[in-house]
Every structure is written in structure tokens, then in C-alpha cells.
């Protein structure tokens, strides 16, 4: 049986991690071509016009974000209907600002909104859709800027068609503490997940037992627990079946970027911004933040 080949494009640091995950699976990582499945790490692009072009290009291309395939998030998604009518959806993360070395030697292309809050926004949108709240219809955001001139803290209120207002906070203001939490509350219960620095899930304050990763080599544990290996396997199986799950489509990746762009415009204008975004699709989030 021929070895599977995969192409990985997009942001350099994530591409290296995905390549390491492919190596664990015994796959070949090749340059993009007509016969190679492509995974594009989030953020899908730096502007909406580039994201539009990527979606329109078609082909066997998937949107990659490992957070969704961590065991904590998978169990949260499975249990989401058990909370009943949703009353709260929120996410919070804090971490040190990435260094140039952490970004694979390249300058950071964006601040906390684009480079850190991306996956939180993606999960918020996916859960809102799962619980019947539909798509985002507006976003209100505010940011703080660091010494680098990039946004290093952001607060967002994302209003969905179903009336729910989800809140997302992300910052780079900690020098040593790293955390990422997600909460879904309803009239029948509360789910709270933690995906950084460790994986955990609580339902109504009680710890949910999560399936432990089956790791043959302890050096590869992080690639399993961070969801990278499971994400690659899920996308490969979907390509073989001929249908990608919504969460891994480039169209969803573009929708996430659209919320980030709208949030940047909201912070720059100091007012809510409606979705779908009607502004300049060729501008980068940092240009909107400048006001």
C-alpha cells in the first residue's frame, strides 16, 4: 500500500508542527501538487481577499486547527446538548507574547487577535452553530497595544443570529502563565474545558474522565495531546470519504478570519461591526486597528 502524501501550506510554525505529526503517522510531506492533499493551518490568510481566492481555488484542501480534535474539546462538543437552553458562551486565554524564534524566524504578522484568539473564535463559532445559534451577525471589540505596536489584549462580544452574545478574551500580558479556558452554560448545566496548559473538562463542577492518548513514543505525546495527530487522521479519512466536516473546510476558515477582520474594524472604529463584513477585503487586520 502506497504511503500517504500530504502538503502543508500557510503559517510557518504551524506547518512545522503538522509536518512532525505527519512523520509520526509515517506520511510523506510533499510540495503542493494536483495529486497531494493540502492542509492550510489557521489563520487561513492575512486578508479576506486572499482567503476568498483560497476557497475559490477548490481542490482537496482542508483548514487545519488541532484544538478541535483534542479529547477535551471533542467531549465538550459531544456533551454540548446536555446543558439545555444556552445562557453563556465564553472563552479566555492568556500567554506570553511569541518571540521571533517562536515564529520560525519570521516577524509576527499580527497581534493577539490574529495569532492567538483565532482558535478561540473558531471554537466559539462552531459551538454556537452546534447549539442552534447560527452564524455571527455582529462583533464588538476593544484592544490594548503593547510596546511592539501590536495588539496584545483583546475583548470581543460576538452576537449570533439566534440572539446569543458570546464573549472572547485573549491576551499576551503574562510573562510566565499560560492558560486557555472555554465555557458553555445552559439552564441544565455548565461545561468548562481547559486546553492549556493541560487538558480537562468539567460538567457542573465535576471532573469528566477523558480518554488518555495511546502513545507509542513519549517524545510524540504532545503531538497527540494537542490534537495534531488526530486532526491529520480525521482530515485524511474525510478526504478518502469524499466529504470534509464543516469545521475543516476552507469556507469555515474564511468565516473565522471574517470575524477577526470585523473585530479589528470594530476596535479601530469604536463601534459594532455587522457580519458578513462589508468593508475592504484587501486590508489586513492591523490596518483596521489603526483606525
Protein backbone atom coordinates (compact mmCIF):
# COMPACT_ATOMS: atom_id res chain seq x y z
CA UNK A 1 0.00 0.00 0.00
CA UNK A 2 1.39 3.40 -1.02
CA UNK A 3 2.37 5.81 1.72
CA UNK A 4 0.05 8.77 2.11
CA UNK A 5 1.40 12.08 0.92
CA UNK A 6 0.28 15.43 2.25
CA UNK A 7 1.07 19.05 1.54
CA UNK A 8 1.09 21.72 4.25
CA UNK A 9 0.92 25.42 3.49
CA UNK A 10 0.35 28.60 5.44
CA UNK A 11 1.91 29.87 8.66
CA UNK A 12 5.46 28.51 9.12
CA UNK A 13 5.41 27.45 12.78
CA UNK A 14 2.14 25.51 12.47
CA UNK A 15 3.34 23.91 9.23
CA UNK A 16 6.39 22.54 11.03
CA UNK A 17 4.23 21.06 13.79
CA UNK A 18 1.86 19.46 11.27
CA UNK A 19 4.85 18.02 9.41
CA UNK A 20 6.06 16.47 12.67
CA UNK A 21 2.62 14.93 13.16
CA UNK A 22 2.68 13.54 9.62
CA UNK A 23 6.08 11.97 10.35
CA UNK A 24 4.60 10.22 13.41
CA UNK A 25 1.96 8.73 11.12
CA UNK A 26 4.58 7.65 8.57
CA UNK A 27 3.32 10.04 5.91
CA UNK A 28 5.35 11.91 3.32
CA UNK A 29 5.22 15.70 3.31
CA UNK A 30 5.47 16.96 -0.26
CA UNK A 31 5.19 20.24 -2.08
CA UNK A 32 1.73 21.18 -3.28
CA UNK A 33 0.54 19.44 -6.42
CA UNK A 34 -2.56 18.14 -8.15
CA UNK A 35 -2.27 14.71 -6.52
CA UNK A 36 -1.47 15.89 -2.99
CA UNK A 37 -3.98 16.63 -0.21
CA UNK A 38 -3.30 20.08 1.22
CA UNK A 39 -3.83 21.30 4.77
CA UNK A 40 -3.84 25.07 5.34
CA UNK A 41 -3.20 25.99 9.00
CA UNK A 42 -5.26 28.77 10.54
CA UNK A 43 -5.37 31.69 10.09
CA UNK A 44 -6.35 30.83 6.54
CA UNK A 45 -4.83 34.05 5.14
CA UNK A 46 -3.79 37.56 6.14
CA UNK A 47 -6.64 39.24 4.24
CA UNK A 48 -10.13 38.26 3.20
CA UNK A 49 -9.38 38.68 -0.49
CA UNK A 50 -6.62 36.06 -0.16
CA UNK A 51 -8.98 33.81 1.80
CA UNK A 52 -11.59 34.21 -0.96
CA UNK A 53 -9.03 33.15 -3.54
CA UNK A 54 -8.05 30.11 -1.50
CA UNK A 55 -11.67 29.00 -1.16
CA UNK A 56 -12.37 29.59 -4.85
CA UNK A 57 -9.29 27.57 -5.90
CA UNK A 58 -11.06 24.35 -4.87
CA UNK A 59 -9.25 21.01 -4.87
CA UNK A 60 -8.55 18.67 -1.96
CA UNK A 61 -7.69 21.35 0.57
CA UNK A 62 -8.58 21.43 4.27
CA UNK A 63 -8.50 24.04 7.01
CA UNK A 64 -6.31 22.92 9.90
CA UNK A 65 -6.76 23.73 13.59
CA UNK A 66 -5.83 20.93 16.03
CA UNK A 67 -7.73 22.38 19.02
CA UNK A 68 -10.97 20.86 17.77
CA UNK A 69 -9.59 17.31 17.88
CA UNK A 70 -8.21 17.43 21.43
CA UNK A 71 -10.04 14.96 23.67
CA UNK A 72 -11.31 17.77 25.93
CA UNK A 73 -12.96 19.66 23.08
CA UNK A 74 -14.32 16.51 21.43
CA UNK A 75 -16.03 15.53 24.68
CA UNK A 76 -17.30 19.09 25.16
CA UNK A 77 -18.87 19.00 21.69
CA UNK A 78 -20.44 15.61 22.41
CA UNK A 79 -21.96 16.84 25.67
CA UNK A 80 -22.98 20.32 24.46
CA UNK A 81 -26.70 19.46 24.04
CA UNK A 82 -26.84 18.34 27.68
CA UNK A 83 -26.59 21.93 29.02
CA UNK A 84 -30.06 22.76 27.69
CA UNK A 85 -31.04 26.26 26.54
CA UNK A 86 -27.75 28.16 26.30
CA UNK A 87 -27.25 31.16 28.59
CA UNK A 88 -23.48 31.74 28.29
CA UNK A 89 -20.68 31.00 25.85
CA UNK A 90 -17.26 32.37 26.69
CA UNK A 91 -13.54 31.80 26.26
CA UNK A 92 -10.45 33.21 27.91
CA UNK A 93 -6.74 32.75 27.23
CA UNK A 94 -3.52 34.30 28.43
CA UNK A 95 0.05 33.57 27.42
CA UNK A 96 3.44 35.19 26.88
CA UNK A 97 3.86 37.05 23.60
CA UNK A 98 5.52 34.88 20.93
CA UNK A 99 9.14 35.70 20.26
CA UNK A 100 10.68 35.91 16.81
CA UNK A 101 12.23 32.49 17.46
CA UNK A 102 8.82 31.00 18.21
CA UNK A 103 7.50 32.31 14.90
CA UNK A 104 10.15 30.33 12.98
CA UNK A 105 12.40 33.30 12.41
CA UNK A 106 9.74 35.41 10.68
CA UNK A 107 8.26 38.62 12.07
CA UNK A 108 4.83 38.23 13.62
CA UNK A 109 2.19 39.00 11.00
CA UNK A 110 -0.42 40.00 13.54
CA UNK A 111 -1.16 40.58 17.17
CA UNK A 112 -3.27 38.67 19.64
CA UNK A 113 -6.47 38.81 17.53
CA UNK A 114 -4.95 37.12 14.50
CA UNK A 115 -2.25 34.99 16.09
CA UNK A 116 -3.73 33.91 19.43
CA UNK A 117 -7.51 34.38 19.60
CA UNK A 118 -8.06 32.69 16.25
CA UNK A 119 -8.79 29.19 17.58
CA UNK A 120 -10.92 30.53 20.44
CA UNK A 121 -13.09 32.37 17.92
CA UNK A 122 -13.27 29.27 15.71
CA UNK A 123 -14.43 27.07 18.60
CA UNK A 124 -16.93 29.70 19.75
CA UNK A 125 -18.44 29.84 16.26
CA UNK A 126 -18.58 26.06 15.95
CA UNK A 127 -20.24 25.55 19.34
CA UNK A 128 -22.74 28.35 18.67
CA UNK A 129 -23.68 26.62 15.43
CA UNK A 130 -23.94 23.26 17.19
CA UNK A 131 -26.38 24.59 19.82
CA UNK A 132 -28.60 26.24 17.22
CA UNK A 133 -27.44 29.87 17.43
CA UNK A 134 -26.41 30.03 13.78
CA UNK A 135 -23.80 32.34 12.31
CA UNK A 136 -22.31 35.54 13.80
CA UNK A 137 -24.18 38.70 12.83
CA UNK A 138 -22.03 41.36 14.54
CA UNK A 139 -18.94 41.79 16.67
CA UNK A 140 -17.91 44.48 19.14
CA UNK A 141 -14.26 44.55 20.14
CA UNK A 142 -11.67 46.54 22.05
CA UNK A 143 -7.91 46.05 22.16
CA UNK A 144 -4.84 47.18 24.05
CA UNK A 145 -1.49 47.64 22.35
CA UNK A 146 1.93 46.51 23.55
CA UNK A 147 5.37 48.04 23.11
CA UNK A 148 5.74 46.22 19.78
CA UNK A 149 2.82 48.21 18.36
CA UNK A 150 0.75 45.03 18.00
CA UNK A 151 -2.47 44.35 19.88
CA UNK A 152 -1.55 42.33 22.97
CA UNK A 153 -5.02 42.08 24.57
CA UNK A 154 -8.47 41.84 23.03
CA UNK A 155 -12.05 41.56 24.26
CA UNK A 156 -14.83 40.59 21.88
CA UNK A 157 -18.60 40.28 22.12
CA UNK A 158 -19.85 38.19 19.20
CA UNK A 159 -23.60 38.32 18.61
CA UNK A 160 -25.15 35.35 16.81
CA UNK A 161 -28.29 35.14 14.69
CA UNK A 162 -30.02 33.19 17.45
CA UNK A 163 -29.54 36.07 19.90
CA UNK A 164 -26.66 34.67 21.95
CA UNK A 165 -23.77 37.04 22.74
CA UNK A 166 -20.53 35.11 23.21
CA UNK A 167 -17.52 36.72 24.89
CA UNK A 168 -13.89 36.04 24.00
CA UNK A 169 -10.82 37.40 25.79
CA UNK A 170 -7.24 36.80 24.71
CA UNK A 171 -4.02 38.44 25.85
CA UNK A 172 -0.23 38.26 25.73
CA UNK A 173 0.17 40.08 29.04
CA UNK A 174 1.57 37.19 31.07
CA UNK A 175 5.31 36.54 31.17
CA UNK A 176 5.00 33.00 32.53
CA UNK A 177 1.37 31.87 32.91
CA UNK A 178 -0.30 30.06 30.02
CA UNK A 179 -3.98 29.20 30.11
CA UNK A 180 -6.91 28.64 27.78
CA UNK A 181 -10.45 28.03 29.03
CA UNK A 182 -13.82 27.63 27.35
CA UNK A 183 -17.26 27.61 28.99
CA UNK A 184 -20.70 26.66 27.74
CA UNK A 185 -23.55 27.19 30.21
CA UNK A 186 -27.25 26.49 29.92
CA UNK A 187 -30.35 26.06 32.05
CA UNK A 188 -29.50 22.38 32.62
CA UNK A 189 -25.78 22.59 33.33
CA UNK A 190 -22.33 24.04 32.72
CA UNK A 191 -19.44 22.63 30.70
CA UNK A 192 -15.98 24.07 31.27
CA UNK A 193 -12.93 22.90 29.35
CA UNK A 194 -9.26 23.70 29.72
CA UNK A 195 -6.90 23.01 26.84
CA UNK A 196 -3.76 24.77 28.03
CA UNK A 197 -1.57 24.07 29.99
CA UNK A 198 -3.38 20.73 30.46
CA UNK A 199 -6.47 19.07 29.06
CA UNK A 200 -9.50 18.88 31.33
CA UNK A 201 -13.28 19.06 31.23
CA UNK A 202 -15.82 19.67 33.98
CA UNK A 203 -19.60 19.25 33.93
CA UNK A 204 -21.39 21.10 36.73
CA UNK A 205 -18.09 21.39 38.59
CA UNK A 206 -17.25 17.68 38.48
CA UNK A 207 -14.25 16.44 36.53
CA UNK A 208 -15.06 14.39 33.42
CA UNK A 209 -12.73 11.48 32.80
CA UNK A 210 -11.05 11.92 29.44
CA UNK A 211 -9.61 9.18 27.29
CA UNK A 212 -5.82 9.05 27.63
CA UNK A 213 -3.75 9.29 24.46
CA UNK A 214 -2.32 5.96 23.30
CA UNK A 215 1.29 6.99 22.67
CA UNK A 216 3.91 4.52 21.45
CA UNK A 217 6.77 7.00 21.85
CA UNK A 218 6.67 9.51 24.74
CA UNK A 219 8.55 12.02 22.58
CA UNK A 220 5.38 12.27 20.49
CA UNK A 221 2.92 12.75 23.36
CA UNK A 222 2.47 16.50 22.81
CA UNK A 223 1.62 15.92 19.14
CA UNK A 224 -1.15 13.57 20.27
CA UNK A 225 -2.47 15.58 23.21
CA UNK A 226 -2.51 18.86 21.25
CA UNK A 227 -4.79 17.24 18.68
CA UNK A 228 -2.32 17.38 15.77
CA UNK A 229 -2.22 13.64 15.05
CA UNK A 230 -5.98 13.20 15.46
CA UNK A 231 -6.63 16.21 13.21
CA UNK A 232 -4.44 14.81 10.44
CA UNK A 233 -6.10 11.39 10.65
CA UNK A 234 -9.60 12.94 10.67
CA UNK A 235 -8.86 15.09 7.62
CA UNK A 236 -7.27 12.17 5.75
CA UNK A 237 -10.28 9.95 6.43
CA UNK A 238 -12.60 12.74 5.27
CA UNK A 239 -10.64 13.17 2.04
CA UNK A 240 -10.92 9.40 1.45
CA UNK A 241 -14.67 9.55 2.11
CA UNK A 242 -15.07 12.50 -0.24
CA UNK A 243 -16.65 14.96 2.21
CA UNK A 244 -14.89 17.24 4.69
CA UNK A 245 -16.58 18.05 8.01
CA UNK A 246 -17.71 21.69 8.08
CA UNK A 247 -15.09 22.57 10.72
CA UNK A 248 -12.25 21.62 8.36
CA UNK A 249 -13.49 23.39 5.23
CA UNK A 250 -11.69 26.43 3.85
CA UNK A 251 -15.06 28.21 3.86
CA UNK A 252 -15.17 27.88 7.65
CA UNK A 253 -11.59 29.13 7.88
CA UNK A 254 -12.61 32.20 5.87
CA UNK A 255 -15.61 32.75 8.16
CA UNK A 256 -13.30 32.75 11.19
CA UNK A 257 -10.99 35.27 9.52
CA UNK A 258 -14.01 37.42 8.66
CA UNK A 259 -14.89 37.69 12.37
CA UNK A 260 -11.28 38.63 13.17
CA UNK A 261 -11.26 41.32 10.48
CA UNK A 262 -14.62 42.66 11.69
CA UNK A 263 -13.34 42.67 15.28
CA UNK A 264 -10.28 44.64 14.17
CA UNK A 265 -12.51 47.15 12.38
CA UNK A 266 -14.74 47.40 15.45
CA UNK A 267 -11.77 48.13 17.72
CA UNK A 268 -10.47 50.73 15.28
CA UNK A 269 -13.82 52.48 14.87
CA UNK A 270 -15.00 52.00 18.48
CA UNK A 271 -18.36 50.65 17.33
CA UNK A 272 -20.05 47.32 16.49
CA UNK A 273 -19.41 45.92 13.02
CA UNK A 274 -22.01 43.84 11.19
CA UNK A 275 -21.36 40.45 9.61
CA UNK A 276 -20.97 39.40 6.84
CA UNK A 277 -18.19 42.01 6.63
CA UNK A 278 -18.87 44.74 4.05
CA UNK A 279 -15.56 46.60 4.29
CA UNK A 280 -12.28 46.43 2.39
CA UNK A 281 -11.45 42.74 1.93
CA UNK A 282 -7.89 43.50 0.82
CA UNK A 283 -6.89 45.18 4.11
CA UNK A 284 -5.08 43.38 6.92
CA UNK A 285 -6.48 43.35 10.48
CA UNK A 286 -3.66 45.66 11.62
CA UNK A 287 -4.76 48.28 9.11
CA UNK A 288 -8.28 48.30 10.59
CA UNK A 289 -6.92 48.51 14.12
CA UNK A 290 -5.09 51.70 13.15
CA UNK A 291 -8.49 53.35 12.71
